[in-house]
Amino acid sequence: MEIYLFGSILRKDFGPNSDVDVLVVSHKPIESCQKSKLIARLKNIIGFVNPFEIHLVTHKDYKEWYSKFIKEKQAV
């Protein structure tokens, strides 16, 4: 599993109404039902009123789309 921040917060053009985009990349396939449950679980942990927009995707989705938005990587 890999986790990335992306979007306006890293471009430094975010404002008071901006969200914080969090990308969670799974190396295993994720069914849409399972994906919804995982996101709901995360929102229960961090609260429903929060600045985070969670994107839960497969490695394939990351390679085909989201990798365009990740310019720099740093292992944590």
N, C-alpha and C. Protein backbone atom coordinates (compact mmCIF):
# COMPACT_ATOMS: atom_id res chain seq x y z
N MET A 1 0.84 -1.16 0.00
CA MET A 1 0.00 0.00 0.00
C MET A 1 0.90 1.24 0.00
N GLU A 2 0.48 2.23 -0.78
CA GLU A 2 1.19 3.50 -0.84
C GLU A 2 0.20 4.62 -0.54
N ILE A 3 0.67 5.67 0.09
CA ILE A 3 -0.20 6.81 0.41
C ILE A 3 0.49 8.08 -0.06
N TYR A 4 -0.26 8.92 -0.78
CA TYR A 4 0.26 10.17 -1.31
C TYR A 4 -0.67 11.32 -0.97
N LEU A 5 -0.10 12.50 -0.83
CA LEU A 5 -0.87 13.74 -0.81
C LEU A 5 -0.71 14.36 -2.19
N PHE A 6 -1.77 14.97 -2.70
CA PHE A 6 -1.65 15.66 -3.98
C PHE A 6 -2.69 16.76 -4.05
N GLY A 7 -2.62 17.54 -5.10
CA GLY A 7 -3.60 18.59 -5.30
C GLY A 7 -3.13 19.95 -4.81
N SER A 8 -4.10 20.80 -4.52
CA SER A 8 -3.82 22.20 -4.23
C SER A 8 -2.94 22.41 -3.00
N ILE A 9 -3.01 21.51 -2.05
CA ILE A 9 -2.19 21.70 -0.85
C ILE A 9 -0.70 21.63 -1.17
N LEU A 10 -0.32 20.82 -2.15
CA LEU A 10 1.09 20.73 -2.53
C LEU A 10 1.46 21.74 -3.60
N ARG A 11 0.49 22.19 -4.36
CA ARG A 11 0.77 23.24 -5.36
C ARG A 11 0.84 24.60 -4.69
N LYS A 12 0.44 24.65 -3.45
CA LYS A 12 0.43 25.87 -2.64
C LYS A 12 -0.58 26.90 -3.16
N ASP A 13 -1.65 26.41 -3.78
CA ASP A 13 -2.71 27.33 -4.21
C ASP A 13 -4.05 26.98 -3.54
N PHE A 14 -3.97 26.32 -2.39
CA PHE A 14 -5.19 25.95 -1.67
C PHE A 14 -5.70 27.16 -0.89
N GLY A 15 -6.99 27.13 -0.62
CA GLY A 15 -7.62 28.21 0.12
C GLY A 15 -8.47 27.67 1.25
N PRO A 16 -9.25 28.53 1.88
CA PRO A 16 -10.07 28.12 3.01
C PRO A 16 -11.09 27.04 2.67
N ASN A 17 -11.53 26.97 1.43
CA ASN A 17 -12.52 25.97 1.03
C ASN A 17 -11.91 24.75 0.35
N SER A 18 -10.60 24.68 0.30
CA SER A 18 -9.92 23.56 -0.35
C SER A 18 -9.94 22.32 0.55
N ASP A 19 -9.86 21.17 -0.10
CA ASP A 19 -9.72 19.93 0.66
C ASP A 19 -8.28 19.45 0.54
N VAL A 20 -7.96 18.43 1.30
CA VAL A 20 -6.64 17.81 1.26
C VAL A 20 -6.83 16.46 0.58
N ASP A 21 -6.27 16.33 -0.62
CA ASP A 21 -6.43 15.09 -1.38
C ASP A 21 -5.43 14.05 -0.89
N VAL A 22 -5.95 12.90 -0.47
CA VAL A 22 -5.14 11.79 0.01
C VAL A 22 -5.39 10.61 -0.92
N LEU A 23 -4.32 10.11 -1.53
CA LEU A 23 -4.42 8.99 -2.46
C LEU A 23 -3.87 7.75 -1.78
N VAL A 24 -4.70 6.72 -1.68
CA VAL A 24 -4.30 5.43 -1.11
C VAL A 24 -4.28 4.43 -2.26
N VAL A 25 -3.10 3.89 -2.54
CA VAL A 25 -2.93 2.96 -3.66
C VAL A 25 -2.77 1.55 -3.11
N SER A 26 -3.68 0.67 -3.50
CA SER A 26 -3.64 -0.73 -3.08
C SER A 26 -3.04 -1.56 -4.20
N HIS A 27 -2.19 -2.48 -3.84
CA HIS A 27 -1.60 -3.37 -4.84
C HIS A 27 -2.48 -4.58 -5.10
N LYS A 28 -3.59 -4.67 -4.38
CA LYS A 28 -4.56 -5.73 -4.59
C LYS A 28 -5.82 -5.13 -5.21
N PRO A 29 -6.54 -5.90 -6.02
CA PRO A 29 -7.81 -5.39 -6.59
C PRO A 29 -8.80 -5.03 -5.48
N ILE A 30 -9.59 -3.99 -5.72
CA ILE A 30 -10.57 -3.54 -4.74
C ILE A 30 -11.94 -3.51 -5.41
N GLU A 31 -12.88 -4.25 -4.86
CA GLU A 31 -14.25 -4.20 -5.37
C GLU A 31 -14.90 -2.91 -4.89
N SER A 32 -15.83 -2.37 -5.68
CA SER A 32 -16.44 -1.08 -5.33
C SER A 32 -17.14 -1.12 -3.98
N CYS A 33 -17.76 -2.23 -3.62
CA CYS A 33 -18.42 -2.36 -2.32
C CYS A 33 -17.38 -2.29 -1.20
N GLN A 34 -16.28 -2.99 -1.38
CA GLN A 34 -15.20 -2.99 -0.39
C GLN A 34 -14.59 -1.59 -0.28
N LYS A 35 -14.44 -0.94 -1.42
CA LYS A 35 -13.88 0.41 -1.46
C LYS A 35 -14.76 1.38 -0.65
N SER A 36 -16.06 1.31 -0.84
CA SER A 36 -16.99 2.18 -0.11
C SER A 36 -16.92 1.93 1.39
N LYS A 37 -16.82 0.66 1.76
CA LYS A 37 -16.73 0.32 3.19
C LYS A 37 -15.44 0.85 3.81
N LEU A 38 -14.34 0.73 3.09
CA LEU A 38 -13.06 1.21 3.61
C LEU A 38 -13.07 2.73 3.78
N ILE A 39 -13.61 3.44 2.81
CA ILE A 39 -13.67 4.90 2.90
C ILE A 39 -14.57 5.32 4.05
N ALA A 40 -15.71 4.64 4.21
CA ALA A 40 -16.61 4.94 5.32
C ALA A 40 -15.92 4.69 6.66
N ARG A 41 -15.15 3.63 6.73
CA ARG A 41 -14.41 3.32 7.96
C ARG A 41 -13.38 4.40 8.29
N LEU A 42 -12.67 4.85 7.26
CA LEU A 42 -11.70 5.92 7.47
C LEU A 42 -12.38 7.20 7.93
N LYS A 43 -13.52 7.51 7.33
CA LYS A 43 -14.25 8.72 7.73
C LYS A 43 -14.78 8.61 9.15
N ASN A 44 -15.13 7.41 9.58
CA ASN A 44 -15.54 7.21 10.98
C ASN A 44 -14.38 7.49 11.93
N ILE A 45 -13.19 7.13 11.50
CA ILE A 45 -12.00 7.33 12.34
C ILE A 45 -11.63 8.81 12.41
N ILE A 46 -11.59 9.48 11.25
CA ILE A 46 -11.15 10.88 11.23
C ILE A 46 -12.29 11.87 11.35
N GLY A 47 -13.52 11.38 11.28
CA GLY A 47 -14.68 12.26 11.39
C GLY A 47 -15.20 12.64 10.01
N PHE A 48 -16.49 12.81 9.91
CA PHE A 48 -17.09 13.11 8.62
C PHE A 48 -16.88 14.57 8.21
N VAL A 49 -16.74 15.45 9.18
CA VAL A 49 -16.46 16.85 8.87
C VAL A 49 -14.96 17.03 9.02
N ASN A 50 -14.27 16.96 7.89
CA ASN A 50 -12.82 17.06 7.89
C ASN A 50 -12.38 17.60 6.53
N PRO A 51 -11.15 18.01 6.40
CA PRO A 51 -10.70 18.58 5.13
C PRO A 51 -10.20 17.54 4.12
N PHE A 52 -10.33 16.25 4.43
CA PHE A 52 -9.72 15.22 3.60
C PHE A 52 -10.66 14.66 2.54
N GLU A 53 -10.14 14.53 1.32
CA GLU A 53 -10.82 13.82 0.24
C GLU A 53 -9.98 12.57 -0.01
N ILE A 54 -10.53 11.41 0.30
CA ILE A 54 -9.78 10.17 0.20
C ILE A 54 -10.07 9.50 -1.13
N HIS A 55 -8.99 9.20 -1.87
CA HIS A 55 -9.09 8.51 -3.15
C HIS A 55 -8.45 7.14 -2.95
N LEU A 56 -9.24 6.09 -2.98
CA LEU A 56 -8.75 4.72 -2.79
C LEU A 56 -8.76 4.04 -4.15
N VAL A 57 -7.57 3.70 -4.65
CA VAL A 57 -7.46 3.17 -6.01
C VAL A 57 -6.53 1.97 -6.06
N THR A 58 -6.62 1.24 -7.16
CA THR A 58 -5.71 0.13 -7.39
C THR A 58 -4.42 0.67 -8.01
N HIS A 59 -3.40 -0.17 -8.01
CA HIS A 59 -2.13 0.24 -8.62
C HIS A 59 -2.32 0.54 -10.11
N LYS A 60 -3.19 -0.22 -10.75
CA LYS A 60 -3.48 0.00 -12.18
C LYS A 60 -4.10 1.39 -12.39
N ASP A 61 -5.09 1.75 -11.55
CA ASP A 61 -5.70 3.09 -11.65
C ASP A 61 -4.66 4.18 -11.42
N TYR A 62 -3.78 3.93 -10.47
CA TYR A 62 -2.72 4.90 -10.19
C TYR A 62 -1.85 5.12 -11.43
N LYS A 63 -1.39 4.03 -12.02
CA LYS A 63 -0.52 4.13 -13.20
C LYS A 63 -1.21 4.83 -14.36
N GLU A 64 -2.50 4.50 -14.58
CA GLU A 64 -3.22 5.03 -15.74
C GLU A 64 -3.70 6.47 -15.56
N TRP A 65 -3.93 6.92 -14.33
CA TRP A 65 -4.52 8.25 -14.16
C TRP A 65 -3.81 9.10 -13.10
N TYR A 66 -3.79 8.61 -11.87
CA TYR A 66 -3.33 9.44 -10.76
C TYR A 66 -1.84 9.76 -10.80
N SER A 67 -1.03 8.92 -11.43
CA SER A 67 0.41 9.18 -11.47
C SER A 67 0.72 10.51 -12.15
N LYS A 68 -0.19 11.01 -12.98
CA LYS A 68 0.00 12.31 -13.63
C LYS A 68 0.05 13.44 -12.61
N PHE A 69 -0.60 13.24 -11.47
CA PHE A 69 -0.72 14.29 -10.47
C PHE A 69 0.34 14.21 -9.38
N ILE A 70 1.10 13.13 -9.37
CA ILE A 70 2.14 12.94 -8.35
C ILE A 70 3.48 13.27 -9.00
N LYS A 71 3.96 14.48 -8.77
CA LYS A 71 5.20 14.94 -9.41
C LYS A 71 6.45 14.51 -8.64
N GLU A 72 6.37 14.54 -7.33
CA GLU A 72 7.51 14.18 -6.50
C GLU A 72 7.08 13.10 -5.52
N LYS A 73 7.97 12.18 -5.25
CA LYS A 73 7.67 11.11 -4.30
C LYS A 73 8.72 11.12 -3.20
N GLN A 74 8.28 10.81 -2.01
CA GLN A 74 9.20 10.67 -0.89
C GLN A 74 8.68 9.56 0.00
N ALA A 75 9.54 8.59 0.26
CA ALA A 75 9.15 7.48 1.12
C ALA A 75 9.02 7.97 2.55
N VAL A 76 8.02 7.44 3.22
CA VAL A 76 7.80 7.82 4.62
C VAL A 76 7.89 6.58 5.48
